[in-house]
C-alpha atoms as a PDB file:
ATOM      1  CA  UNK A   1     -52.766 -51.137  24.858  1.00  0.00           C
ATOM      2  CA  UNK A   2     -50.078 -52.483  27.099  1.00  0.00           C
ATOM      3  CA  UNK A   3     -48.291 -50.517  29.639  1.00  0.00           C
ATOM      4  CA  UNK A   4     -45.106 -50.505  27.608  1.00  0.00           C
ATOM      5  CA  UNK A   5     -46.705 -49.253  24.485  1.00  0.00           C
ATOM      6  CA  UNK A   6     -48.275 -46.420  26.392  1.00  0.00           C
ATOM      7  CA  UNK A   7     -44.913 -45.450  27.844  1.00  0.00           C
ATOM      8  CA  UNK A   8     -43.342 -45.668  24.527  1.00  0.00           C
ATOM      9  CA  UNK A   9     -46.123 -43.656  22.812  1.00  0.00           C
ATOM     10  CA  UNK A  10     -46.232 -41.004  25.441  1.00  0.00           C
ATOM     11  CA  UNK A  11     -42.576 -40.126  24.542  1.00  0.00           C
ATOM     12  CA  UNK A  12     -42.761 -39.653  21.060  1.00  0.00           C
ATOM     13  CA  UNK A  13     -46.205 -38.773  19.830  1.00  0.00           C
ATOM     14  CA  UNK A  14     -48.297 -35.629  19.096  1.00  0.00           C
ATOM     15  CA  UNK A  15     -50.147 -33.689  21.745  1.00  0.00           C
ATOM     16  CA  UNK A  16     -53.422 -35.392  20.472  1.00  0.00           C
ATOM     17  CA  UNK A  17     -52.226 -38.809  20.813  1.00  0.00           C
ATOM     18  CA  UNK A  18     -50.313 -37.953  23.916  1.00  0.00           C
ATOM     19  CA  UNK A  19     -53.585 -37.544  25.863  1.00  0.00           C
ATOM     20  CA  UNK A  20     -54.652 -40.988  24.747  1.00  0.00           C
ATOM     21  CA  UNK A  21     -51.315 -42.449  25.577  1.00  0.00           C
ATOM     22  CA  UNK A  22     -51.480 -40.926  29.198  1.00  0.00           C
ATOM     23  CA  UNK A  23     -54.840 -42.228  29.739  1.00  0.00           C
ATOM     24  CA  UNK A  24     -53.719 -45.817  28.931  1.00  0.00           C
ATOM     25  CA  UNK A  25     -50.781 -45.306  31.168  1.00  0.00           C
ATOM     26  CA  UNK A  26     -52.858 -43.971  33.819  1.00  0.00           C
ATOM     27  CA  UNK A  27     -55.444 -47.215  33.748  1.00  0.00           C
ATOM     28  CA  UNK A  28     -52.129 -49.330  33.796  1.00  0.00           C
ATOM     29  CA  UNK A  29     -50.886 -47.996  36.726  1.00  0.00           C
ATOM     30  CA  UNK A  30     -54.382 -48.127  38.497  1.00  0.00           C
ATOM     31  CA  UNK A  31     -54.585 -51.996  37.651  1.00  0.00           C
ATOM     32  CA  UNK A  32     -51.045 -52.414  39.099  1.00  0.00           C
ATOM     33  CA  UNK A  33     -52.344 -50.698  42.404  1.00  0.00           C
ATOM     34  CA  UNK A  34     -53.204 -52.577  45.553  1.00  0.00           C
ATOM     35  CA  UNK A  35     -56.660 -53.866  45.570  1.00  0.00           C
ATOM     36  CA  UNK A  36     -58.356 -52.301  48.533  1.00  0.00           C
ATOM     37  CA  UNK A  37     -61.861 -53.669  47.510  1.00  0.00           C
ATOM     38  CA  UNK A  38     -64.141 -55.455  50.231  1.00  0.00           C
ATOM     39  CA  UNK A  39     -65.796 -55.117  53.532  1.00  0.00           C
ATOM     40  CA  UNK A  40     -63.243 -54.307  56.281  1.00  0.00           C
ATOM     41  CA  UNK A  41     -63.703 -54.022  59.925  1.00  0.00           C
ATOM     42  CA  UNK A  42     -61.585 -52.093  62.517  1.00  0.00           C
ATOM     43  CA  UNK A  43     -59.028 -54.430  64.437  1.00  0.00           C
ATOM     44  CA  UNK A  44     -57.070 -51.914  66.488  1.00  0.00           C
ATOM     45  CA  UNK A  45     -55.802 -48.655  66.480  1.00  0.00           C
ATOM     46  CA  UNK A  46     -52.492 -46.856  68.242  1.00  0.00           C
ATOM     47  CA  UNK A  47     -54.384 -44.757  70.645  1.00  0.00           C
ATOM     48  CA  UNK A  48     -56.415 -46.809  72.862  1.00  0.00           C
ATOM     49  CA  UNK A  49     -57.949 -45.696  76.120  1.00  0.00           C
ATOM     50  CA  UNK A  50     -61.252 -43.458  75.084  1.00  0.00           C
ATOM     51  CA  UNK A  51     -64.685 -44.647  75.231  1.00  0.00           C
ATOM     52  CA  UNK A  52     -66.404 -46.975  72.715  1.00  0.00           C
ATOM     53  CA  UNK A  53     -62.826 -47.860  71.530  1.00  0.00           C
ATOM     54  CA  UNK A  54     -62.429 -44.630  69.479  1.00  0.00           C
ATOM     55  CA  UNK A  55     -58.990 -43.044  69.506  1.00  0.00           C
ATOM     56  CA  UNK A  56     -57.940 -40.734  72.162  1.00  0.00           C
ATOM     57  CA  UNK A  57     -58.517 -37.314  70.884  1.00  0.00           C
ATOM     58  CA  UNK A  58     -55.924 -34.494  70.389  1.00  0.00           C
ATOM     59  CA  UNK A  59     -55.658 -31.388  72.900  1.00  0.00           C
ATOM     60  CA  UNK A  60     -57.633 -28.514  72.094  1.00  0.00           C
ATOM     61  CA  UNK A  61     -56.231 -25.049  72.515  1.00  0.00           C
ATOM     62  CA  UNK A  62     -57.953 -22.094  74.429  1.00  0.00           C
ATOM     63  CA  UNK A  63     -60.274 -21.310  71.257  1.00  0.00           C
ATOM     64  CA  UNK A  64     -61.223 -24.996  71.006  1.00  0.00           C
ATOM     65  CA  UNK A  65     -61.948 -25.367  74.709  1.00  0.00           C
ATOM     66  CA  UNK A  66     -63.972 -22.383  74.916  1.00  0.00           C
ATOM     67  CA  UNK A  67     -66.318 -23.170  71.775  1.00  0.00           C
ATOM     68  CA  UNK A  68     -66.941 -26.811  72.723  1.00  0.00           C
ATOM     69  CA  UNK A  69     -67.460 -25.925  76.381  1.00  0.00           C
ATOM     70  CA  UNK A  70     -70.263 -23.338  75.296  1.00  0.00           C
ATOM     71  CA  UNK A  71     -71.837 -26.189  73.208  1.00  0.00           C
ATOM     72  CA  UNK A  72     -72.114 -28.360  75.979  1.00  0.00           C
ATOM     73  CA  UNK A  73     -73.235 -25.977  78.333  1.00  0.00           C
ATOM     74  CA  UNK A  74     -76.068 -25.005  76.199  1.00  0.00           C
ATOM     75  CA  UNK A  75     -77.126 -28.400  74.925  1.00  0.00           C
ATOM     76  CA  UNK A  76     -77.712 -31.539  76.943  1.00  0.00           C
ATOM     77  CA  UNK A  77     -75.475 -33.910  74.687  1.00  0.00           C
ATOM     78  CA  UNK A  78     -74.936 -36.198  77.622  1.00  0.00           C
ATOM     79  CA  UNK A  79     -78.601 -37.435  77.424  1.00  0.00           C
ATOM     80  CA  UNK A  80     -78.845 -36.543  73.850  1.00  0.00           C
ATOM     81  CA  UNK A  81     -75.871 -38.097  72.198  1.00  0.00           C
ATOM     82  CA  UNK A  82     -75.493 -37.253  68.458  1.00  0.00           C
ATOM     83  CA  UNK A  83     -75.393 -40.908  67.138  1.00  0.00           C
ATOM     84  CA  UNK A  84     -78.255 -42.007  68.905  1.00  0.00           C
ATOM     85  CA  UNK A  85     -80.159 -39.210  67.303  1.00  0.00           C
ATOM     86  CA  UNK A  86     -78.968 -40.386  63.560  1.00  0.00           C
ATOM     87  CA  UNK A  87     -76.442 -37.750  63.245  1.00  0.00           C
ATOM     88  CA  UNK A  88     -73.724 -38.979  61.090  1.00  0.00           C
ATOM     89  CA  UNK A  89     -70.181 -38.361  62.794  1.00  0.00           C
ATOM     90  CA  UNK A  90     -68.459 -37.763  59.600  1.00  0.00           C
ATOM     91  CA  UNK A  91     -64.617 -37.477  59.272  1.00  0.00           C
ATOM     92  CA  UNK A  92     -62.581 -38.887  61.035  1.00  0.00           C
ATOM     93  CA  UNK A  93     -65.202 -40.637  63.246  1.00  0.00           C
ATOM     94  CA  UNK A  94     -66.473 -42.745  60.340  1.00  0.00           C
ATOM     95  CA  UNK A  95     -62.896 -44.239  59.661  1.00  0.00           C
ATOM     96  CA  UNK A  96     -63.210 -46.210  62.871  1.00  0.00           C
ATOM     97  CA  UNK A  97     -66.950 -46.725  63.246  1.00  0.00           C
ATOM     98  CA  UNK A  98     -68.475 -46.124  66.441  1.00  0.00           C
ATOM     99  CA  UNK A  99     -69.333 -49.666  68.000  1.00  0.00           C
ATOM    100  CA  UNK A 100     -67.011 -50.922  65.295  1.00  0.00           C
ATOM    101  CA  UNK A 101     -69.315 -50.583  62.337  1.00  0.00           C
ATOM    102  CA  UNK A 102     -67.655 -52.254  59.169  1.00  0.00           C
ATOM    103  CA  UNK A 103     -67.065 -50.412  55.749  1.00  0.00           C
ATOM    104  CA  UNK A 104     -67.011 -51.383  52.320  1.00  0.00           C
ATOM    105  CA  UNK A 105     -64.337 -50.006  49.795  1.00  0.00           C
ATOM    106  CA  UNK A 106     -65.486 -49.863  46.154  1.00  0.00           C
ATOM    107  CA  UNK A 107     -62.249 -49.424  43.860  1.00  0.00           C
ATOM    108  CA  UNK A 108     -61.919 -48.031  40.552  1.00  0.00           C
ATOM    109  CA  UNK A 109     -59.155 -46.593  38.571  1.00  0.00           C
ATOM    110  CA  UNK A 110     -60.240 -42.894  39.056  1.00  0.00           C
ATOM    111  CA  UNK A 111     -62.396 -43.036  42.272  1.00  0.00           C
ATOM    112  CA  UNK A 112     -62.524 -45.088  45.414  1.00  0.00           C
ATOM    113  CA  UNK A 113     -65.935 -45.193  47.120  1.00  0.00           C
ATOM    114  CA  UNK A 114     -66.342 -45.985  50.780  1.00  0.00           C
ATOM    115  CA  UNK A 115     -69.400 -47.178  52.321  1.00  0.00           C
ATOM    116  CA  UNK A 116     -70.003 -47.220  55.995  1.00  0.00           C
ATOM    117  CA  UNK A 117     -72.606 -49.237  57.886  1.00  0.00           C
ATOM    118  CA  UNK A 118     -72.819 -46.351  60.352  1.00  0.00           C
ATOM    119  CA  UNK A 119     -75.470 -43.925  59.341  1.00  0.00           C
ATOM    120  CA  UNK A 120     -75.060 -45.232  55.905  1.00  0.00           C
ATOM    121  CA  UNK A 121     -72.184 -42.657  55.504  1.00  0.00           C
ATOM    122  CA  UNK A 122     -70.383 -42.532  52.091  1.00  0.00           C
ATOM    123  CA  UNK A 123     -66.883 -41.235  50.998  1.00  0.00           C
ATOM    124  CA  UNK A 124     -65.769 -40.561  47.532  1.00  0.00           C
ATOM    125  CA  UNK A 125     -61.691 -40.282  47.034  1.00  0.00           C
ATOM    126  CA  UNK A 126     -61.343 -38.763  43.537  1.00  0.00           C
ATOM    127  CA  UNK A 127     -58.063 -40.360  41.866  1.00  0.00           C
ATOM    128  CA  UNK A 128     -58.342 -38.372  38.560  1.00  0.00           C
ATOM    129  CA  UNK A 129     -55.882 -35.584  39.445  1.00  0.00           C
ATOM    130  CA  UNK A 130     -58.780 -33.042  39.969  1.00  0.00           C
ATOM    131  CA  UNK A 131     -58.444 -30.058  42.328  1.00  0.00           C
ATOM    132  CA  UNK A 132     -60.607 -28.989  45.155  1.00  0.00           C
ATOM    133  CA  UNK A 133     -63.787 -27.353  43.725  1.00  0.00           C
ATOM    134  CA  UNK A 134     -64.073 -23.539  44.354  1.00  0.00           C
ATOM    135  CA  UNK A 135     -67.055 -22.704  46.643  1.00  0.00           C
ATOM    136  CA  UNK A 136     -67.826 -26.244  47.608  1.00  0.00           C
ATOM    137  CA  UNK A 137     -69.930 -26.238  50.703  1.00  0.00           C
ATOM    138  CA  UNK A 138     -68.584 -28.362  53.808  1.00  0.00           C
ATOM    139  CA  UNK A 139     -69.641 -31.733  54.460  1.00  0.00           C
ATOM    140  CA  UNK A 140     -69.511 -34.145  57.328  1.00  0.00           C
ATOM    141  CA  UNK A 141     -67.230 -36.632  55.391  1.00  0.00           C
ATOM    142  CA  UNK A 142     -65.257 -33.503  53.654  1.00  0.00           C
ATOM    143  CA  UNK A 143     -64.266 -33.477  49.941  1.00  0.00           C
ATOM    144  CA  UNK A 144     -61.303 -36.039  49.302  1.00  0.00           C
ATOM    145  CA  UNK A 145     -58.824 -36.176  46.586  1.00  0.00           C
ATOM    146  CA  UNK A 146     -55.890 -39.002  46.324  1.00  0.00           C
ATOM    147  CA  UNK A 147     -52.738 -40.173  44.668  1.00  0.00           C
ATOM    148  CA  UNK A 148     -50.464 -43.187  44.631  1.00  0.00           C
ATOM    149  CA  UNK A 149     -47.267 -43.241  45.840  1.00  0.00           C
ATOM    150  CA  UNK A 150     -45.744 -46.557  44.796  1.00  0.00           C
ATOM    151  CA  UNK A 151     -48.028 -49.026  46.997  1.00  0.00           C
ATOM    152  CA  UNK A 152     -49.393 -46.416  49.205  1.00  0.00           C
ATOM    153  CA  UNK A 153     -52.625 -44.388  48.618  1.00  0.00           C
ATOM    154  CA  UNK A 154     -52.198 -40.793  49.915  1.00  0.00           C
ATOM    155  CA  UNK A 155     -55.673 -39.049  50.601  1.00  0.00           C
ATOM    156  CA  UNK A 156     -56.053 -35.297  51.471  1.00  0.00           C
ATOM    157  CA  UNK A 157     -59.514 -34.342  52.814  1.00  0.00           C
ATOM    158  CA  UNK A 158     -60.489 -30.780  53.598  1.00  0.00           C
ATOM    159  CA  UNK A 159     -63.968 -28.853  53.678  1.00  0.00           C
ATOM    160  CA  UNK A 160     -65.219 -30.903  56.640  1.00  0.00           C
ATOM    161  CA  UNK A 161     -68.079 -29.405  58.228  1.00  0.00           C
ATOM    162  CA  UNK A 162     -67.192 -27.807  61.805  1.00  0.00           C
ATOM    163  CA  UNK A 163     -68.131 -30.025  64.847  1.00  0.00           C
ATOM    164  CA  UNK A 164     -68.486 -28.481  68.423  1.00  0.00           C
ATOM    165  CA  UNK A 165     -70.160 -31.580  70.288  1.00  0.00           C
ATOM    166  CA  UNK A 166     -68.150 -34.025  71.994  1.00  0.00           C
ATOM    167  CA  UNK A 167     -65.983 -36.895  70.153  1.00  0.00           C
ATOM    168  CA  UNK A 168     -63.429 -35.320  68.034  1.00  0.00           C
ATOM    169  CA  UNK A 169     -64.541 -31.722  67.590  1.00  0.00           C
ATOM    170  CA  UNK A 170     -62.872 -29.522  65.063  1.00  0.00           C
ATOM    171  CA  UNK A 171     -63.276 -26.489  63.284  1.00  0.00           C
ATOM    172  CA  UNK A 172     -64.179 -25.803  59.419  1.00  0.00           C
ATOM    173  CA  UNK A 173     -60.368 -25.793  58.808  1.00  0.00           C
ATOM    174  CA  UNK A 174     -59.848 -29.327  60.079  1.00  0.00           C
ATOM    175  CA  UNK A 175     -57.704 -31.323  57.656  1.00  0.00           C
ATOM    176  CA  UNK A 176     -56.775 -35.057  57.251  1.00  0.00           C
ATOM    177  CA  UNK A 177     -54.060 -36.811  55.378  1.00  0.00           C
ATOM    178  CA  UNK A 178     -54.390 -40.518  55.110  1.00  0.00           C
ATOM    179  CA  UNK A 179     -52.139 -43.011  53.816  1.00  0.00           C
ATOM    180  CA  UNK A 180     -53.456 -46.484  53.013  1.00  0.00           C
ATOM    181  CA  UNK A 181     -51.471 -49.513  52.325  1.00  0.00           C
ATOM    182  CA  UNK A 182     -51.633 -53.349  52.798  1.00  0.00           C
ATOM    183  CA  UNK A 183     -49.513 -55.323  55.278  1.00  0.00           C
ATOM    184  CA  UNK A 184     -48.804 -58.657  56.468  1.00  0.00           C
ATOM    185  CA  UNK A 185     -50.680 -59.327  59.780  1.00  0.00           C
ATOM    186  CA  UNK A 186     -47.804 -61.364  60.998  1.00  0.00           C
ATOM    187  CA  UNK A 187     -45.372 -58.498  61.006  1.00  0.00           C
ATOM    188  CA  UNK A 188     -47.779 -56.618  62.822  1.00  0.00           C
ATOM    189  CA  UNK A 189     -48.509 -58.545  65.870  1.00  0.00           C
ATOM    190  CA  UNK A 190     -52.088 -56.949  66.398  1.00  0.00           C
ATOM    191  CA  UNK A 191     -53.777 -57.783  69.893  1.00  0.00           C
ATOM    192  CA  UNK A 192     -57.276 -56.147  69.104  1.00  0.00           C
ATOM    193  CA  UNK A 193     -58.853 -53.260  70.860  1.00  0.00           C
ATOM    194  CA  UNK A 194     -58.279 -54.540  74.588  1.00  0.00           C
ATOM    195  CA  UNK A 195     -54.512 -53.871  75.256  1.00  0.00           C
ATOM    196  CA  UNK A 196     -52.500 -57.124  76.337  1.00  0.00           C
ATOM    197  CA  UNK A 197     -54.554 -59.667  74.540  1.00  0.00           C
ATOM    198  CA  UNK A 198     -53.073 -62.560  72.761  1.00  0.00           C
ATOM    199  CA  UNK A 199     -52.289 -61.894  68.971  1.00  0.00           C
ATOM    200  CA  UNK A 200     -54.956 -62.074  66.613  1.00  0.00           C
ATOM    201  CA  UNK A 201     -55.016 -64.752  63.863  1.00  0.00           C
ATOM    202  CA  UNK A 202     -55.716 -62.957  60.586  1.00  0.00           C
ATOM    203  CA  UNK A 203     -56.346 -64.286  57.111  1.00  0.00           C
ATOM    204  CA  UNK A 204     -55.168 -62.414  54.411  1.00  0.00           C
ATOM    205  CA  UNK A 205     -53.626 -58.805  54.532  1.00  0.00           C
ATOM    206  CA  UNK A 206     -54.324 -56.176  56.659  1.00  0.00           C
ATOM    207  CA  UNK A 207     -55.546 -52.536  55.720  1.00  0.00           C
ATOM    208  CA  UNK A 208     -53.361 -49.934  57.528  1.00  0.00           C
ATOM    209  CA  UNK A 209     -54.581 -46.238  57.425  1.00  0.00           C
ATOM    210  CA  UNK A 210     -51.993 -43.881  58.935  1.00  0.00           C
ATOM    211  CA  UNK A 211     -53.998 -40.681  59.569  1.00  0.00           C
ATOM    212  CA  UNK A 212     -52.284 -37.295  60.248  1.00  0.00           C
ATOM    213  CA  UNK A 213     -54.975 -34.505  61.588  1.00  0.00           C
ATOM    214  CA  UNK A 214     -54.453 -30.795  61.545  1.00  0.00           C
ATOM    215  CA  UNK A 215     -56.887 -27.907  62.866  1.00  0.00           C
ATOM    216  CA  UNK A 216     -55.100 -24.849  62.955  1.00  0.00           C
ATOM    217  CA  UNK A 217     -57.956 -23.001  64.549  1.00  0.00           C
ATOM    218  CA  UNK A 218     -58.765 -25.481  67.768  1.00  0.00           C
ATOM    219  CA  UNK A 219     -56.085 -28.153  67.893  1.00  0.00           C
ATOM    220  CA  UNK A 220     -53.159 -27.566  70.612  1.00  0.00           C
ATOM    221  CA  UNK A 221     -51.547 -30.761  68.991  1.00  0.00           C
ATOM    222  CA  UNK A 222     -50.028 -30.303  65.509  1.00  0.00           C
ATOM    223  CA  UNK A 223     -49.980 -33.289  63.030  1.00  0.00           C
ATOM    224  CA  UNK A 224     -51.916 -35.465  65.478  1.00  0.00           C
ATOM    225  CA  UNK A 225     -51.518 -39.089  64.194  1.00  0.00           C
ATOM    226  CA  UNK A 226     -53.697 -42.140  64.477  1.00  0.00           C
ATOM    227  CA  UNK A 227     -52.782 -45.546  62.933  1.00  0.00           C
ATOM    228  CA  UNK A 228     -55.909 -47.597  62.331  1.00  0.00           C
ATOM    229  CA  UNK A 229     -55.967 -51.448  61.402  1.00  0.00           C
ATOM    230  CA  UNK A 230     -58.460 -53.410  59.596  1.00  0.00           C
ATOM    231  CA  UNK A 231     -59.249 -56.795  58.699  1.00  0.00           C
ATOM    232  CA  UNK A 232     -61.236 -57.898  55.637  1.00  0.00           C
ATOM    233  CA  UNK A 233     -64.562 -59.357  56.655  1.00  0.00           C
ATOM    234  CA  UNK A 234     -66.451 -62.184  55.144  1.00  0.00           C
ATOM    235  CA  UNK A 235     -69.757 -60.409  55.488  1.00  0.00           C
ATOM    236  CA  UNK A 236     -72.276 -58.048  53.609  1.00  0.00           C
ATOM    237  CA  UNK A 237     -73.173 -54.678  54.445  1.00  0.00           C
ATOM    238  CA  UNK A 238     -76.399 -54.013  56.364  1.00  0.00           C
ATOM    239  CA  UNK A 239     -78.770 -50.846  56.441  1.00  0.00           C
ATOM    240  CA  UNK A 240     -78.932 -48.499  59.320  1.00  0.00           C
ATOM    241  CA  UNK A 241     -82.359 -47.655  60.031  1.00  0.00           C
ATOM    242  CA  UNK A 242     -81.833 -45.316  62.548  1.00  0.00           C
ATOM    243  CA  UNK A 243     -83.702 -42.778  61.154  1.00  0.00           C
ATOM    244  CA  UNK A 244     -86.862 -44.976  60.851  1.00  0.00           C
ATOM    245  CA  UNK A 245     -86.258 -45.779  64.726  1.00  0.00           C
ATOM    246  CA  UNK A 246     -86.491 -41.972  65.559  1.00  0.00           C
ATOM    247  CA  UNK A 247     -89.659 -41.343  63.526  1.00  0.00           C
ATOM    248  CA  UNK A 248     -91.265 -44.171  65.077  1.00  0.00           C
ATOM    249  CA  UNK A 249     -90.384 -43.105  68.659  1.00  0.00           C
ATOM    250  CA  UNK A 250     -91.723 -39.349  67.619  1.00  0.00           C
ATOM    251  CA  UNK A 251     -95.031 -41.005  66.306  1.00  0.00           C
ATOM    252  CA  UNK A 252     -95.493 -43.110  69.539  1.00  0.00           C
ATOM    253  CA  UNK A 253     -95.049 -40.038  71.683  1.00  0.00           C
ATOM    254  CA  UNK A 254     -97.848 -38.214  69.664  1.00  0.00           C
ATOM    255  CA  UNK A 255    -100.353 -41.343  70.242  1.00  0.00           C
ATOM    256  CA  UNK A 256     -99.490 -40.996  73.996  1.00  0.00           C
ATOM    257  CA  UNK A 257    -100.206 -37.301  74.048  1.00  0.00           C
ATOM    258  CA  UNK A 258    -103.464 -38.006  72.253  1.00  0.00           C
ATOM    259  CA  UNK A 259    -102.722 -36.302  69.130  1.00  0.00           C
ATOM    260  CA  UNK A 260    -105.259 -37.653  66.500  1.00  0.00           C
ATOM    261  CA  UNK A 261    -104.113 -38.374  62.847  1.00  0.00           C
ATOM    262  CA  UNK A 262    -104.978 -35.631  60.277  1.00  0.00           C
ATOM    263  CA  UNK A 263    -107.872 -36.440  58.115  1.00  0.00           C
END
């Protein structure tokens, strides 16, 4: 069915046929949407100045400061950093990857799947018009739905697990709105993650992600924005075997303590 035929049928047929026509129209619009498929790596963002090249965090209000200070006072997170212990960072950190870990986007008409090399995390962005399910448990990456506004994909993410540790702490009311689009790198004059460098030579379009973050419980800043730029990589995704490493460290520690294997 062509797109024009789907539109025509949708205007004049019965309710039963209308569903088929609208399904055809949805598929046509999805095919016409920009193609984000491929492996992408972060090139730059607009809030440089924090460690590990991650964006500068929003300011916390009194409640946010109290909760996070209590966590740091109770736990030695400085010498036991979460990522080093295979704890996935979740949203929003997965979108810039600590250390620049790449991500792969698999695009389908009714869903986009994002696979991050960092801790083997995944996001599913539903484009089929579904609403947030009732009673859904919080997750590190939250629950995401999206819709197209022209050539821009608008994504709403909620139900993100509360995070009290350093690096982008947030309450369970944290919410992210993303706007994805493709841009000509020549118009952006990107210089990378070190300010003042030469303009990068990038082949092909750049994926621009305008992120707006809100946390009514912990953030002093409202509508905190971070824009992230990604370039397509001619590369393959690798496994993150962090859990295997920590398992072997524990086994070796038991051997040093003289613990014998169970019979």
